[in-house]
Amino acid sequence: MAGKGKFAALAGLKNGDITNTNGTVQLRGKRSNPDYRQICVLIKKATHRSATTLLRDLDDGTDFGDLVQSLLERWLQEQN
């Protein structure tokens, strides 16, 4: 990364991360990542509750968005 200085943090933006003034790297979240789009879908409360509870219990780092993404990708592959 770029050296220390006034604009050193900006150098990391093109790589998808931000370097803080103390030298640590902060990764960009999904919300600010241009490859992601926030959408709204309606699903049953019980389904959402069961899925999020199971994801929390598994504790493997997968969030609800990751789950939906993988399921949609699998469905798209099956359609070809």
C-alpha atoms as a PDB file:
ATOM      1  CA  MET A   1       0.000   0.000   0.000  1.00  0.00           C
ATOM      2  CA  ALA A   2       0.961   3.594  -0.199  1.00  0.00           C
ATOM      3  CA  GLY A   3       3.148   5.167   2.446  1.00  0.00           C
ATOM      4  CA  LYS A   4       1.923   7.143   5.387  1.00  0.00           C
ATOM      5  CA  GLY A   5       0.542  10.524   4.643  1.00  0.00           C
ATOM      6  CA  LYS A   6      -2.513  12.608   4.291  1.00  0.00           C
ATOM      7  CA  PHE A   7      -4.041  10.537   1.457  1.00  0.00           C
ATOM      8  CA  ALA A   8      -2.604   7.097   2.280  1.00  0.00           C
ATOM      9  CA  ALA A   9      -6.059   5.745   3.178  1.00  0.00           C
ATOM     10  CA  LEU A  10      -7.389   6.629  -0.265  1.00  0.00           C
ATOM     11  CA  ALA A  11      -4.807   4.394  -1.942  1.00  0.00           C
ATOM     12  CA  GLY A  12      -6.557   1.338  -0.519  1.00  0.00           C
ATOM     13  CA  LEU A  13      -9.942   2.228  -1.947  1.00  0.00           C
ATOM     14  CA  LYS A  14      -9.116   0.867  -5.393  1.00  0.00           C
ATOM     15  CA  ASN A  15      -8.232  -2.474  -3.783  1.00  0.00           C
ATOM     16  CA  GLY A  16     -11.539  -2.654  -1.932  1.00  0.00           C
ATOM     17  CA  ASP A  17     -10.159  -1.879   1.503  1.00  0.00           C
ATOM     18  CA  ILE A  18      -9.343   1.166   3.561  1.00  0.00           C
ATOM     19  CA  THR A  19      -6.147   1.725   5.521  1.00  0.00           C
ATOM     20  CA  ASN A  20      -6.750   3.549   8.768  1.00  0.00           C
ATOM     21  CA  THR A  21      -4.360   6.189  10.023  1.00  0.00           C
ATOM     22  CA  ASN A  22      -2.940   3.687  12.531  1.00  0.00           C
ATOM     23  CA  GLY A  23      -1.977   1.326   9.669  1.00  0.00           C
ATOM     24  CA  THR A  24      -4.680  -1.289  10.148  1.00  0.00           C
ATOM     25  CA  VAL A  25      -6.747  -2.401   7.161  1.00  0.00           C
ATOM     26  CA  GLN A  26     -10.520  -2.195   7.349  1.00  0.00           C
ATOM     27  CA  LEU A  27     -12.309  -4.307   4.745  1.00  0.00           C
ATOM     28  CA  ARG A  28     -15.238  -2.843   2.850  1.00  0.00           C
ATOM     29  CA  GLY A  29     -18.652  -4.198   3.778  1.00  0.00           C
ATOM     30  CA  LYS A  30     -21.318  -5.461   1.408  1.00  0.00           C
ATOM     31  CA  ARG A  31     -23.326  -2.249   1.672  1.00  0.00           C
ATOM     32  CA  SER A  32     -20.524  -0.162   0.154  1.00  0.00           C
ATOM     33  CA  ASN A  33     -19.374  -2.843  -2.309  1.00  0.00           C
ATOM     34  CA  PRO A  34     -20.580  -2.012  -5.856  1.00  0.00           C
ATOM     35  CA  ASP A  35     -20.893  -5.748  -6.656  1.00  0.00           C
ATOM     36  CA  TYR A  36     -23.804  -5.990  -4.216  1.00  0.00           C
ATOM     37  CA  ARG A  37     -27.297  -4.510  -4.382  1.00  0.00           C
ATOM     38  CA  GLN A  38     -29.696  -4.226  -1.491  1.00  0.00           C
ATOM     39  CA  ILE A  39     -33.094  -5.690  -2.320  1.00  0.00           C
ATOM     40  CA  CYS A  40     -36.293  -6.323  -0.440  1.00  0.00           C
ATOM     41  CA  VAL A  41     -38.156  -9.619  -0.520  1.00  0.00           C
ATOM     42  CA  LEU A  42     -41.128 -10.811   1.465  1.00  0.00           C
ATOM     43  CA  ILE A  43     -40.791 -14.177   3.187  1.00  0.00           C
ATOM     44  CA  LYS A  44     -42.696 -15.771   6.028  1.00  0.00           C
ATOM     45  CA  LYS A  45     -41.624 -14.714   9.530  1.00  0.00           C
ATOM     46  CA  ALA A  46     -41.223 -18.293  10.700  1.00  0.00           C
ATOM     47  CA  THR A  47     -38.964 -19.137   7.750  1.00  0.00           C
ATOM     48  CA  HIS A  48     -36.726 -16.136   8.386  1.00  0.00           C
ATOM     49  CA  ARG A  49     -36.590 -16.820  12.123  1.00  0.00           C
ATOM     50  CA  SER A  50     -35.698 -20.499  11.612  1.00  0.00           C
ATOM     51  CA  ALA A  51     -33.017 -19.692   9.027  1.00  0.00           C
ATOM     52  CA  THR A  52     -31.374 -16.939  11.058  1.00  0.00           C
ATOM     53  CA  THR A  53     -31.457 -19.072  14.219  1.00  0.00           C
ATOM     54  CA  LEU A  54     -29.795 -21.966  12.408  1.00  0.00           C
ATOM     55  CA  LEU A  55     -27.185 -19.672  10.835  1.00  0.00           C
ATOM     56  CA  ARG A  56     -26.385 -18.217  14.256  1.00  0.00           C
ATOM     57  CA  ASP A  57     -26.122 -21.708  15.789  1.00  0.00           C
ATOM     58  CA  LEU A  58     -23.828 -22.938  12.999  1.00  0.00           C
ATOM     59  CA  ASP A  59     -21.544 -19.945  13.658  1.00  0.00           C
ATOM     60  CA  ASP A  60     -19.601 -20.416  10.405  1.00  0.00           C
ATOM     61  CA  GLY A  61     -19.660 -16.774   9.320  1.00  0.00           C
ATOM     62  CA  THR A  62     -22.530 -17.192   6.852  1.00  0.00           C
ATOM     63  CA  ASP A  63     -25.162 -14.495   7.078  1.00  0.00           C
ATOM     64  CA  PHE A  64     -28.674 -14.492   5.656  1.00  0.00           C
ATOM     65  CA  GLY A  65     -27.569 -12.659   2.508  1.00  0.00           C
ATOM     66  CA  ASP A  66     -24.816 -15.229   1.864  1.00  0.00           C
ATOM     67  CA  LEU A  67     -27.372 -18.017   2.224  1.00  0.00           C
ATOM     68  CA  VAL A  68     -29.814 -16.417  -0.220  1.00  0.00           C
ATOM     69  CA  GLN A  69     -26.951 -15.697  -2.665  1.00  0.00           C
ATOM     70  CA  SER A  70     -25.772 -19.326  -2.659  1.00  0.00           C
ATOM     71  CA  LEU A  71     -29.306 -20.666  -3.065  1.00  0.00           C
ATOM     72  CA  LEU A  72     -30.000 -18.326  -5.993  1.00  0.00           C
ATOM     73  CA  GLU A  73     -26.703 -19.230  -7.671  1.00  0.00           C
ATOM     74  CA  ARG A  74     -27.488 -22.948  -7.334  1.00  0.00           C
ATOM     75  CA  TRP A  75     -30.979 -22.400  -8.770  1.00  0.00           C
ATOM     76  CA  LEU A  76     -29.551 -20.441 -11.718  1.00  0.00           C
ATOM     77  CA  GLN A  77     -27.085 -23.243 -12.497  1.00  0.00           C
ATOM     78  CA  GLU A  78     -29.901 -25.779 -12.464  1.00  0.00           C
ATOM     79  CA  GLN A  79     -31.813 -23.741 -15.031  1.00  0.00           C
ATOM     80  CA  ASN A  80     -29.067 -24.125 -17.645  1.00  0.00           C
END
